[in-house]
Amino acid sequence: MPVEAPVKPQSAPSRNLDRSRERYPNYKVIVLDDDFNTIQHVQKCLLKYIPNMNPTLAYELTMQVHHQGQAIVWVGPQEPAELYHTQLKREGLTMAPLEPAN
């Protein structure tokens, strides 16, 4: 019987672990001022639909909309941004188009 030489262990092919992962962009949900939504309605909608919103912040953002014409009310991943944008729009708020956050 022929004698076989021992098999040397082989290392696995090297993988490029230095790849950087690209993150998905965040999107801004922006409420615009209009002539028909009341301050109370805007504040109520922000409290109802925007996560982690509190009455003080909702009031401050509503006043920013009223006095400055717009306010960024939420920034985050595209899918929840689309949901919050749609929910606020369905309540009658005037919304800017979703735009990527820089």
PDB file of N, CA and C in Angstrom:
ATOM      1  N   MET A   1       0.814  -1.170   0.000  1.00  0.00           N
ATOM      2  CA  MET A   1       0.000   0.000   0.000  1.00  0.00           C
ATOM      3  C   MET A   1       0.871   1.252   0.000  1.00  0.00           C
ATOM      4  N   PRO A   2       0.461   2.238  -0.861  1.00  0.00           N
ATOM      5  CA  PRO A   2       1.269   3.464  -0.883  1.00  0.00           C
ATOM      6  C   PRO A   2       1.062   4.278   0.389  1.00  0.00           C
ATOM      7  N   VAL A   3       2.094   4.940   0.807  1.00  0.00           N
ATOM      8  CA  VAL A   3       2.027   5.802   1.992  1.00  0.00           C
ATOM      9  C   VAL A   3       1.696   7.214   1.528  1.00  0.00           C
ATOM     10  N   GLU A   4       0.645   7.810   2.139  1.00  0.00           N
ATOM     11  CA  GLU A   4       0.243   9.166   1.770  1.00  0.00           C
ATOM     12  C   GLU A   4       0.895  10.179   2.695  1.00  0.00           C
ATOM     13  N   ALA A   5       1.255  11.266   2.122  1.00  0.00           N
ATOM     14  CA  ALA A   5       1.847  12.341   2.915  1.00  0.00           C
ATOM     15  C   ALA A   5       0.748  13.046   3.705  1.00  0.00           C
ATOM     16  N   PRO A   6       1.059  13.504   4.900  1.00  0.00           N
ATOM     17  CA  PRO A   6       0.048  14.219   5.670  1.00  0.00           C
ATOM     18  C   PRO A   6      -0.415  15.477   4.929  1.00  0.00           C
ATOM     19  N   VAL A   7      -1.693  15.798   5.103  1.00  0.00           N
ATOM     20  CA  VAL A   7      -2.272  16.980   4.454  1.00  0.00           C
ATOM     21  C   VAL A   7      -2.055  18.185   5.355  1.00  0.00           C
ATOM     22  N   LYS A   8      -1.503  19.233   4.771  1.00  0.00           N
ATOM     23  CA  LYS A   8      -1.295  20.467   5.533  1.00  0.00           C
ATOM     24  C   LYS A   8      -2.619  21.218   5.655  1.00  0.00           C
ATOM     25  N   PRO A   9      -2.893  21.746   6.837  1.00  0.00           N
ATOM     26  CA  PRO A   9      -4.116  22.550   6.955  1.00  0.00           C
ATOM     27  C   PRO A   9      -4.010  23.779   6.067  1.00  0.00           C
ATOM     28  N   GLN A  10      -5.094  24.093   5.429  1.00  0.00           N
ATOM     29  CA  GLN A  10      -5.119  25.284   4.581  1.00  0.00           C
ATOM     30  C   GLN A  10      -5.958  26.357   5.262  1.00  0.00           C
ATOM     31  N   SER A  11      -5.515  27.564   5.136  1.00  0.00           N
ATOM     32  CA  SER A  11      -6.294  28.657   5.717  1.00  0.00           C
ATOM     33  C   SER A  11      -7.390  29.056   4.733  1.00  0.00           C
ATOM     34  N   ALA A  12      -8.463  29.558   5.298  1.00  0.00           N
ATOM     35  CA  ALA A  12      -9.576  30.016   4.468  1.00  0.00           C
ATOM     36  C   ALA A  12      -9.138  31.241   3.690  1.00  0.00           C
ATOM     37  N   PRO A  13      -9.716  31.429   2.525  1.00  0.00           N
ATOM     38  CA  PRO A  13      -9.361  32.632   1.772  1.00  0.00           C
ATOM     39  C   PRO A  13      -9.653  33.877   2.603  1.00  0.00           C
ATOM     40  N   SER A  14      -8.780  34.845   2.506  1.00  0.00           N
ATOM     41  CA  SER A  14      -8.973  36.053   3.311  1.00  0.00           C
ATOM     42  C   SER A  14     -10.155  36.858   2.775  1.00  0.00           C
ATOM     43  N   ARG A  15     -10.893  37.433   3.709  1.00  0.00           N
ATOM     44  CA  ARG A  15     -12.028  38.272   3.348  1.00  0.00           C
ATOM     45  C   ARG A  15     -11.663  39.711   3.653  1.00  0.00           C
ATOM     46  N   ASN A  16     -12.137  40.563   2.843  1.00  0.00           N
ATOM     47  CA  ASN A  16     -11.869  41.980   3.057  1.00  0.00           C
ATOM     48  C   ASN A  16     -12.788  42.489   4.154  1.00  0.00           C
ATOM     49  N   LEU A  17     -12.276  42.540   5.369  1.00  0.00           N
ATOM     50  CA  LEU A  17     -13.071  42.994   6.507  1.00  0.00           C
ATOM     51  C   LEU A  17     -12.986  44.505   6.685  1.00  0.00           C
ATOM     52  N   ASP A  18     -12.213  45.153   5.833  1.00  0.00           N
ATOM     53  CA  ASP A  18     -12.049  46.591   5.953  1.00  0.00           C
ATOM     54  C   ASP A  18     -13.142  47.369   5.234  1.00  0.00           C
ATOM     55  N   ARG A  19     -14.097  46.640   4.674  1.00  0.00           N
ATOM     56  CA  ARG A  19     -15.169  47.338   3.966  1.00  0.00           C
ATOM     57  C   ARG A  19     -15.937  48.211   4.942  1.00  0.00           C
ATOM     58  N   SER A  20     -16.219  49.386   4.530  1.00  0.00           N
ATOM     59  CA  SER A  20     -17.040  50.244   5.386  1.00  0.00           C
ATOM     60  C   SER A  20     -18.493  50.075   4.967  1.00  0.00           C
ATOM     61  N   ARG A  21     -19.337  50.009   5.940  1.00  0.00           N
ATOM     62  CA  ARG A  21     -20.752  49.859   5.639  1.00  0.00           C
ATOM     63  C   ARG A  21     -21.360  51.229   5.436  1.00  0.00           C
ATOM     64  N   GLU A  22     -22.055  51.356   4.337  1.00  0.00           N
ATOM     65  CA  GLU A  22     -22.736  52.616   4.084  1.00  0.00           C
ATOM     66  C   GLU A  22     -24.063  52.591   4.801  1.00  0.00           C
ATOM     67  N   ARG A  23     -24.357  53.658   5.494  1.00  0.00           N
ATOM     68  CA  ARG A  23     -25.609  53.759   6.220  1.00  0.00           C
ATOM     69  C   ARG A  23     -26.673  54.329   5.296  1.00  0.00           C
ATOM     70  N   TYR A  24     -27.898  53.927   5.560  1.00  0.00           N
ATOM     71  CA  TYR A  24     -28.999  54.515   4.816  1.00  0.00           C
ATOM     72  C   TYR A  24     -29.157  55.955   5.257  1.00  0.00           C
ATOM     73  N   PRO A  25     -29.531  56.838   4.339  1.00  0.00           N
ATOM     74  CA  PRO A  25     -29.673  58.241   4.738  1.00  0.00           C
ATOM     75  C   PRO A  25     -30.898  58.437   5.622  1.00  0.00           C
ATOM     76  N   ASN A  26     -30.817  59.416   6.488  1.00  0.00           N
ATOM     77  CA  ASN A  26     -31.968  59.824   7.284  1.00  0.00           C
ATOM     78  C   ASN A  26     -32.778  60.835   6.484  1.00  0.00           C
ATOM     79  N   TYR A  27     -34.044  60.952   6.837  1.00  0.00           N
ATOM     80  CA  TYR A  27     -34.945  61.882   6.164  1.00  0.00           C
ATOM     81  C   TYR A  27     -35.574  62.814   7.170  1.00  0.00           C
ATOM     82  N   LYS A  28     -35.872  64.038   6.720  1.00  0.00           N
ATOM     83  CA  LYS A  28     -36.480  65.053   7.573  1.00  0.00           C
ATOM     84  C   LYS A  28     -37.980  65.126   7.309  1.00  0.00           C
ATOM     85  N   VAL A  29     -38.755  65.144   8.381  1.00  0.00           N
ATOM     86  CA  VAL A  29     -40.196  65.366   8.297  1.00  0.00           C
ATOM     87  C   VAL A  29     -40.410  66.826   8.691  1.00  0.00           C
ATOM     88  N   ILE A  30     -40.925  67.611   7.743  1.00  0.00           N
ATOM     89  CA  ILE A  30     -41.046  69.057   7.935  1.00  0.00           C
ATOM     90  C   ILE A  30     -42.508  69.475   7.813  1.00  0.00           C
ATOM     91  N   VAL A  31     -43.005  70.166   8.847  1.00  0.00           N
ATOM     92  CA  VAL A  31     -44.357  70.714   8.829  1.00  0.00           C
ATOM     93  C   VAL A  31     -44.258  72.176   8.411  1.00  0.00           C
ATOM     94  N   LEU A  32     -45.151  72.576   7.501  1.00  0.00           N
ATOM     95  CA  LEU A  32     -45.185  73.953   7.004  1.00  0.00           C
ATOM     96  C   LEU A  32     -46.361  74.711   7.596  1.00  0.00           C
ATOM     97  N   ASP A  33     -46.213  76.015   7.693  1.00  0.00           N
ATOM     98  CA  ASP A  33     -47.295  76.877   8.183  1.00  0.00           C
ATOM     99  C   ASP A  33     -48.365  77.002   7.101  1.00  0.00           C
ATOM    100  N   ASP A  34     -49.588  77.166   7.537  1.00  0.00           N
ATOM    101  CA  ASP A  34     -50.693  77.415   6.613  1.00  0.00           C
ATOM    102  C   ASP A  34     -51.718  78.294   7.312  1.00  0.00           C
ATOM    103  N   ASP A  35     -52.776  78.653   6.596  1.00  0.00           N
ATOM    104  CA  ASP A  35     -53.783  79.568   7.143  1.00  0.00           C
ATOM    105  C   ASP A  35     -55.002  78.858   7.711  1.00  0.00           C
ATOM    106  N   PHE A  36     -55.003  77.539   7.760  1.00  0.00           N
ATOM    107  CA  PHE A  36     -56.224  76.877   8.191  1.00  0.00           C
ATOM    108  C   PHE A  36     -56.061  75.910   9.359  1.00  0.00           C
ATOM    109  N   ASN A  37     -54.864  75.447   9.683  1.00  0.00           N
ATOM    110  CA  ASN A  37     -54.675  74.571  10.845  1.00  0.00           C
ATOM    111  C   ASN A  37     -54.408  75.422  12.080  1.00  0.00           C
ATOM    112  N   THR A  38     -55.091  75.076  13.171  1.00  0.00           N
ATOM    113  CA  THR A  38     -54.883  75.823  14.413  1.00  0.00           C
ATOM    114  C   THR A  38     -53.619  75.330  15.109  1.00  0.00           C
ATOM    115  N   ILE A  39     -53.117  76.170  15.989  1.00  0.00           N
ATOM    116  CA  ILE A  39     -51.949  75.803  16.781  1.00  0.00           C
ATOM    117  C   ILE A  39     -52.255  74.548  17.604  1.00  0.00           C
ATOM    118  N   GLN A  40     -53.436  74.476  18.164  1.00  0.00           N
ATOM    119  CA  GLN A  40     -53.815  73.324  18.976  1.00  0.00           C
ATOM    120  C   GLN A  40     -53.844  72.041  18.144  1.00  0.00           C
ATOM    121  N   HIS A  41     -54.353  72.130  16.915  1.00  0.00           N
ATOM    122  CA  HIS A  41     -54.430  70.937  16.059  1.00  0.00           C
ATOM    123  C   HIS A  41     -53.033  70.443  15.687  1.00  0.00           C
ATOM    124  N   VAL A  42     -52.138  71.345  15.335  1.00  0.00           N
ATOM    125  CA  VAL A  42     -50.775  70.958  14.976  1.00  0.00           C
ATOM    126  C   VAL A  42     -50.097  70.294  16.175  1.00  0.00           C
ATOM    127  N   GLN A  43     -50.220  70.916  17.340  1.00  0.00           N
ATOM    128  CA  GLN A  43     -49.607  70.371  18.548  1.00  0.00           C
ATOM    129  C   GLN A  43     -50.165  68.984  18.860  1.00  0.00           C
ATOM    130  N   LYS A  44     -51.468  68.816  18.748  1.00  0.00           N
ATOM    131  CA  LYS A  44     -52.112  67.526  19.023  1.00  0.00           C
ATOM    132  C   LYS A  44     -51.604  66.446  18.057  1.00  0.00           C
ATOM    133  N   CYS A  45     -51.459  66.796  16.788  1.00  0.00           N
ATOM    134  CA  CYS A  45     -50.980  65.830  15.789  1.00  0.00           C
ATOM    135  C   CYS A  45     -49.536  65.414  16.056  1.00  0.00           C
ATOM    136  N   LEU A  46     -48.700  66.360  16.432  1.00  0.00           N
ATOM    137  CA  LEU A  46     -47.309  66.020  16.735  1.00  0.00           C
ATOM    138  C   LEU A  46     -47.249  65.056  17.917  1.00  0.00           C
ATOM    139  N   LEU A  47     -48.049  65.324  18.935  1.00  0.00           N
ATOM    140  CA  LEU A  47     -48.078  64.439  20.100  1.00  0.00           C
ATOM    141  C   LEU A  47     -48.593  63.050  19.741  1.00  0.00           C
ATOM    142  N   LYS A  48     -49.547  62.996  18.845  1.00  0.00           N
ATOM    143  CA  LYS A  48     -50.173  61.730  18.482  1.00  0.00           C
ATOM    144  C   LYS A  48     -49.268  60.854  17.620  1.00  0.00           C
ATOM    145  N   TYR A  49     -48.536  61.437  16.696  1.00  0.00           N
ATOM    146  CA  TYR A  49     -47.837  60.647  15.684  1.00  0.00           C
ATOM    147  C   TYR A  49     -46.314  60.602  15.790  1.00  0.00           C
ATOM    148  N   ILE A  50     -45.693  61.582  16.370  1.00  0.00           N
ATOM    149  CA  ILE A  50     -44.224  61.619  16.402  1.00  0.00           C
ATOM    150  C   ILE A  50     -43.743  60.928  17.679  1.00  0.00           C
ATOM    151  N   PRO A  51     -42.919  59.882  17.539  1.00  0.00           N
ATOM    152  CA  PRO A  51     -42.475  59.154  18.726  1.00  0.00           C
ATOM    153  C   PRO A  51     -41.647  60.028  19.669  1.00  0.00           C
ATOM    154  N   ASN A  52     -41.794  59.743  20.946  1.00  0.00           N
ATOM    155  CA  ASN A  52     -41.051  60.432  22.011  1.00  0.00           C
ATOM    156  C   ASN A  52     -41.329  61.933  22.074  1.00  0.00           C
ATOM    157  N   MET A  53     -42.443  62.357  21.494  1.00  0.00           N
ATOM    158  CA  MET A  53     -42.814  63.765  21.548  1.00  0.00           C
ATOM    159  C   MET A  53     -43.436  64.027  22.921  1.00  0.00           C
ATOM    160  N   ASN A  54     -43.150  65.193  23.476  1.00  0.00           N
ATOM    161  CA  ASN A  54     -43.777  65.587  24.735  1.00  0.00           C
ATOM    162  C   ASN A  54     -44.494  66.912  24.518  1.00  0.00           C
ATOM    163  N   PRO A  55     -45.400  67.285  25.396  1.00  0.00           N
ATOM    164  CA  PRO A  55     -46.183  68.505  25.175  1.00  0.00           C
ATOM    165  C   PRO A  55     -45.341  69.772  25.016  1.00  0.00           C
ATOM    166  N   THR A  56     -44.283  69.881  25.765  1.00  0.00           N
ATOM    167  CA  THR A  56     -43.443  71.088  25.669  1.00  0.00           C
ATOM    168  C   THR A  56     -42.780  71.183  24.306  1.00  0.00           C
ATOM    169  N   LEU A  57     -42.189  70.086  23.850  1.00  0.00           N
ATOM    170  CA  LEU A  57     -41.525  70.094  22.541  1.00  0.00           C
ATOM    171  C   LEU A  57     -42.539  70.283  21.419  1.00  0.00           C
ATOM    172  N   ALA A  58     -43.704  69.651  21.543  1.00  0.00           N
ATOM    173  CA  ALA A  58     -44.744  69.810  20.519  1.00  0.00           C
ATOM    174  C   ALA A  58     -45.165  71.278  20.420  1.00  0.00           C
ATOM    175  N   TYR A  59     -45.304  71.935  21.555  1.00  0.00           N
ATOM    176  CA  TYR A  59     -45.670  73.358  21.551  1.00  0.00           C
ATOM    177  C   TYR A  59     -44.562  74.194  20.913  1.00  0.00           C
ATOM    178  N   GLU A  60     -43.308  73.934  21.290  1.00  0.00           N
ATOM    179  CA  GLU A  60     -42.186  74.706  20.727  1.00  0.00           C
ATOM    180  C   GLU A  60     -42.095  74.521  19.211  1.00  0.00           C
ATOM    181  N   LEU A  61     -42.249  73.297  18.733  1.00  0.00           N
ATOM    182  CA  LEU A  61     -42.200  73.058  17.283  1.00  0.00           C
ATOM    183  C   LEU A  61     -43.382  73.705  16.575  1.00  0.00           C
ATOM    184  N   THR A  62     -44.544  73.654  17.201  1.00  0.00           N
ATOM    185  CA  THR A  62     -45.726  74.291  16.612  1.00  0.00           C
ATOM    186  C   THR A  62     -45.530  75.799  16.509  1.00  0.00           C
ATOM    187  N   MET A  63     -44.964  76.390  17.530  1.00  0.00           N
ATOM    188  CA  MET A  63     -44.708  77.836  17.486  1.00  0.00           C
ATOM    189  C   MET A  63     -43.644  78.176  16.443  1.00  0.00           C
ATOM    190  N   GLN A  64     -42.672  77.281  16.248  1.00  0.00           N
ATOM    191  CA  GLN A  64     -41.674  77.486  15.195  1.00  0.00           C
ATOM    192  C   GLN A  64     -42.356  77.459  13.829  1.00  0.00           C
ATOM    193  N   VAL A  65     -43.264  76.519  13.630  1.00  0.00           N
ATOM    194  CA  VAL A  65     -44.022  76.472  12.374  1.00  0.00           C
ATOM    195  C   VAL A  65     -44.773  77.784  12.191  1.00  0.00           C
ATOM    196  N   HIS A  66     -45.440  78.230  13.231  1.00  0.00           N
ATOM    197  CA  HIS A  66     -46.273  79.439  13.151  1.00  0.00           C
ATOM    198  C   HIS A  66     -45.436  80.694  12.872  1.00  0.00           C
ATOM    199  N   HIS A  67     -44.314  80.841  13.553  1.00  0.00           N
ATOM    200  CA  HIS A  67     -43.532  82.082  13.440  1.00  0.00           C
ATOM    201  C   HIS A  67     -42.473  82.059  12.341  1.00  0.00           C
ATOM    202  N   GLN A  68     -41.916  80.883  12.060  1.00  0.00           N
ATOM    203  CA  GLN A  68     -40.831  80.808  11.075  1.00  0.00           C
ATOM    204  C   GLN A  68     -41.263  80.159   9.764  1.00  0.00           C
ATOM    205  N   GLY A  69     -42.489  79.626   9.740  1.00  0.00           N
ATOM    206  CA  GLY A  69     -43.006  79.066   8.500  1.00  0.00           C
ATOM    207  C   GLY A  69     -42.802  77.570   8.326  1.00  0.00           C
ATOM    208  N   GLN A  70     -41.949  76.980   9.145  1.00  0.00           N
ATOM    209  CA  GLN A  70     -41.721  75.539   9.052  1.00  0.00           C
ATOM    210  C   GLN A  70     -40.930  75.069  10.260  1.00  0.00           C
ATOM    211  N   ALA A  71     -40.995  73.752  10.493  1.00  0.00           N
ATOM    212  CA  ALA A  71     -40.180  73.142  11.545  1.00  0.00           C
ATOM    213  C   ALA A  71     -39.907  71.696  11.168  1.00  0.00           C
ATOM    214  N   ILE A  72     -38.686  71.264  11.434  1.00  0.00           N
ATOM    215  CA  ILE A  72     -38.337  69.855  11.295  1.00  0.00           C
ATOM    216  C   ILE A  72     -38.827  69.174  12.566  1.00  0.00           C
ATOM    217  N   VAL A  73     -39.777  68.261  12.416  1.00  0.00           N
ATOM    218  CA  VAL A  73     -40.384  67.641  13.592  1.00  0.00           C
ATOM    219  C   VAL A  73     -39.833  66.251  13.879  1.00  0.00           C
ATOM    220  N   TRP A  74     -39.143  65.653  12.924  1.00  0.00           N
ATOM    221  CA  TRP A  74     -38.550  64.323  13.135  1.00  0.00           C
ATOM    222  C   TRP A  74     -37.495  64.091  12.069  1.00  0.00           C
ATOM    223  N   VAL A  75     -36.421  63.397  12.442  1.00  0.00           N
ATOM    224  CA  VAL A  75     -35.366  62.991  11.504  1.00  0.00           C
ATOM    225  C   VAL A  75     -35.026  61.538  11.807  1.00  0.00           C
ATOM    226  N   GLY A  76     -34.981  60.733  10.751  1.00  0.00           N
ATOM    227  CA  GLY A  76     -34.643  59.330  10.941  1.00  0.00           C
ATOM    228  C   GLY A  76     -34.739  58.559   9.639  1.00  0.00           C
ATOM    229  N   PRO A  77     -34.735  57.232   9.741  1.00  0.00           N
ATOM    230  CA  PRO A  77     -34.757  56.381   8.545  1.00  0.00           C
ATOM    231  C   PRO A  77     -35.979  56.650   7.663  1.00  0.00           C
ATOM    232  N   GLN A  78     -35.833  56.339   6.392  1.00  0.00           N
ATOM    233  CA  GLN A  78     -36.837  56.680   5.388  1.00  0.00           C
ATOM    234  C   GLN A  78     -38.210  56.063   5.670  1.00  0.00           C
ATOM    235  N   GLU A  79     -38.247  54.792   6.015  1.00  0.00           N
ATOM    236  CA  GLU A  79     -39.551  54.135   6.161  1.00  0.00           C
ATOM    237  C   GLU A  79     -40.409  54.760   7.266  1.00  0.00           C
ATOM    238  N   PRO A  80     -39.890  54.949   8.489  1.00  0.00           N
ATOM    239  CA  PRO A  80     -40.722  55.622   9.480  1.00  0.00           C
ATOM    240  C   PRO A  80     -40.983  57.082   9.117  1.00  0.00           C
ATOM    241  N   ALA A  81     -40.028  57.737   8.460  1.00  0.00           N
ATOM    242  CA  ALA A  81     -40.252  59.127   8.043  1.00  0.00           C
ATOM    243  C   ALA A  81     -41.445  59.209   7.100  1.00  0.00           C
ATOM    244  N   GLU A  82     -41.540  58.250   6.174  1.00  0.00           N
ATOM    245  CA  GLU A  82     -42.680  58.229   5.250  1.00  0.00           C
ATOM    246  C   GLU A  82     -43.988  58.014   6.005  1.00  0.00           C
ATOM    247  N   LEU A  83     -43.969  57.142   7.005  1.00  0.00           N
ATOM    248  CA  LEU A  83     -45.164  56.887   7.801  1.00  0.00           C
ATOM    249  C   LEU A  83     -45.612  58.140   8.539  1.00  0.00           C
ATOM    250  N   TYR A  84     -44.701  58.800   9.259  1.00  0.00           N
ATOM    251  CA  TYR A  84     -45.069  59.991  10.027  1.00  0.00           C
ATOM    252  C   TYR A  84     -45.540  61.105   9.098  1.00  0.00           C
ATOM    253  N   HIS A  85     -44.873  61.249   7.963  1.00  0.00           N
ATOM    254  CA  HIS A  85     -45.248  62.262   6.976  1.00  0.00           C
ATOM    255  C   HIS A  85     -46.679  62.011   6.505  1.00  0.00           C
ATOM    256  N   THR A  86     -46.990  60.780   6.155  1.00  0.00           N
ATOM    257  CA  THR A  86     -48.332  60.420   5.683  1.00  0.00           C
ATOM    258  C   THR A  86     -49.377  60.639   6.767  1.00  0.00           C
ATOM    259  N   GLN A  87     -49.083  60.238   7.983  1.00  0.00           N
ATOM    260  CA  GLN A  87     -50.040  60.403   9.076  1.00  0.00           C
ATOM    261  C   GLN A  87     -50.350  61.874   9.331  1.00  0.00           C
ATOM    262  N   LEU A  88     -49.327  62.715   9.360  1.00  0.00           N
ATOM    263  CA  LEU A  88     -49.546  64.145   9.588  1.00  0.00           C
ATOM    264  C   LEU A  88     -50.309  64.773   8.431  1.00  0.00           C
ATOM    265  N   LYS A  89     -49.980  64.360   7.222  1.00  0.00           N
ATOM    266  CA  LYS A  89     -50.670  64.888   6.045  1.00  0.00           C
ATOM    267  C   LYS A  89     -52.151  64.492   6.054  1.00  0.00           C
ATOM    268  N   ARG A  90     -52.438  63.248   6.460  1.00  0.00           N
ATOM    269  CA  ARG A  90     -53.835  62.794   6.538  1.00  0.00           C
ATOM    270  C   ARG A  90     -54.636  63.581   7.566  1.00  0.00           C
ATOM    271  N   GLU A  91     -53.962  64.116   8.568  1.00  0.00           N
ATOM    272  CA  GLU A  91     -54.627  64.946   9.578  1.00  0.00           C
ATOM    273  C   GLU A  91     -54.845  66.374   9.067  1.00  0.00           C
ATOM    274  N   GLY A  92     -54.370  66.649   7.864  1.00  0.00           N
ATOM    275  CA  GLY A  92     -54.600  67.962   7.266  1.00  0.00           C
ATOM    276  C   GLY A  92     -53.450  68.935   7.391  1.00  0.00           C
ATOM    277  N   LEU A  93     -52.333  68.512   7.990  1.00  0.00           N
ATOM    278  CA  LEU A  93     -51.198  69.422   8.107  1.00  0.00           C
ATOM    279  C   LEU A  93     -50.551  69.607   6.740  1.00  0.00           C
ATOM    280  N   THR A  94     -49.988  70.777   6.534  1.00  0.00           N
ATOM    281  CA  THR A  94     -49.281  71.071   5.291  1.00  0.00           C
ATOM    282  C   THR A  94     -47.843  70.610   5.473  1.00  0.00           C
ATOM    283  N   MET A  95     -47.422  69.696   4.598  1.00  0.00           N
ATOM    284  CA  MET A  95     -46.124  69.058   4.743  1.00  0.00           C
ATOM    285  C   MET A  95     -45.206  69.398   3.580  1.00  0.00           C
ATOM    286  N   ALA A  96     -43.932  69.621   3.894  1.00  0.00           N
ATOM    287  CA  ALA A  96     -42.917  69.739   2.839  1.00  0.00           C
ATOM    288  C   ALA A  96     -42.616  68.331   2.341  1.00  0.00           C
ATOM    289  N   PRO A  97     -42.155  68.187   1.107  1.00  0.00           N
ATOM    290  CA  PRO A  97     -41.763  66.852   0.633  1.00  0.00           C
ATOM    291  C   PRO A  97     -40.639  66.308   1.526  1.00  0.00           C
ATOM    292  N   LEU A  98     -40.612  64.985   1.690  1.00  0.00           N
ATOM    293  CA  LEU A  98     -39.513  64.389   2.441  1.00  0.00           C
ATOM    294  C   LEU A  98     -38.214  64.706   1.751  1.00  0.00           C
ATOM    295  N   GLU A  99     -37.192  64.997   2.535  1.00  0.00           N
ATOM    296  CA  GLU A  99     -35.881  65.254   1.943  1.00  0.00           C
ATOM    297  C   GLU A  99     -34.809  64.625   2.800  1.00  0.00           C
ATOM    298  N   PRO A 100     -33.753  64.146   2.153  1.00  0.00           N
ATOM    299  CA  PRO A 100     -32.658  63.558   2.937  1.00  0.00           C
ATOM    300  C   PRO A 100     -32.047  64.567   3.885  1.00  0.00           C
ATOM    301  N   ALA A 101     -31.703  64.114   5.079  1.00  0.00           N
ATOM    302  CA  ALA A 101     -30.982  64.955   6.028  1.00  0.00           C
ATOM    303  C   ALA A 101     -29.498  64.864   5.690  1.00  0.00           C
ATOM    304  N   ASN A 102     -28.803  65.925   5.851  1.00  0.00           N
ATOM    305  CA  ASN A 102     -27.363  65.907   5.523  1.00  0.00           C
ATOM    306  C   ASN A 102     -26.558  65.421   6.656  1.00  0.00           C
TER     307      ASN A 102
END
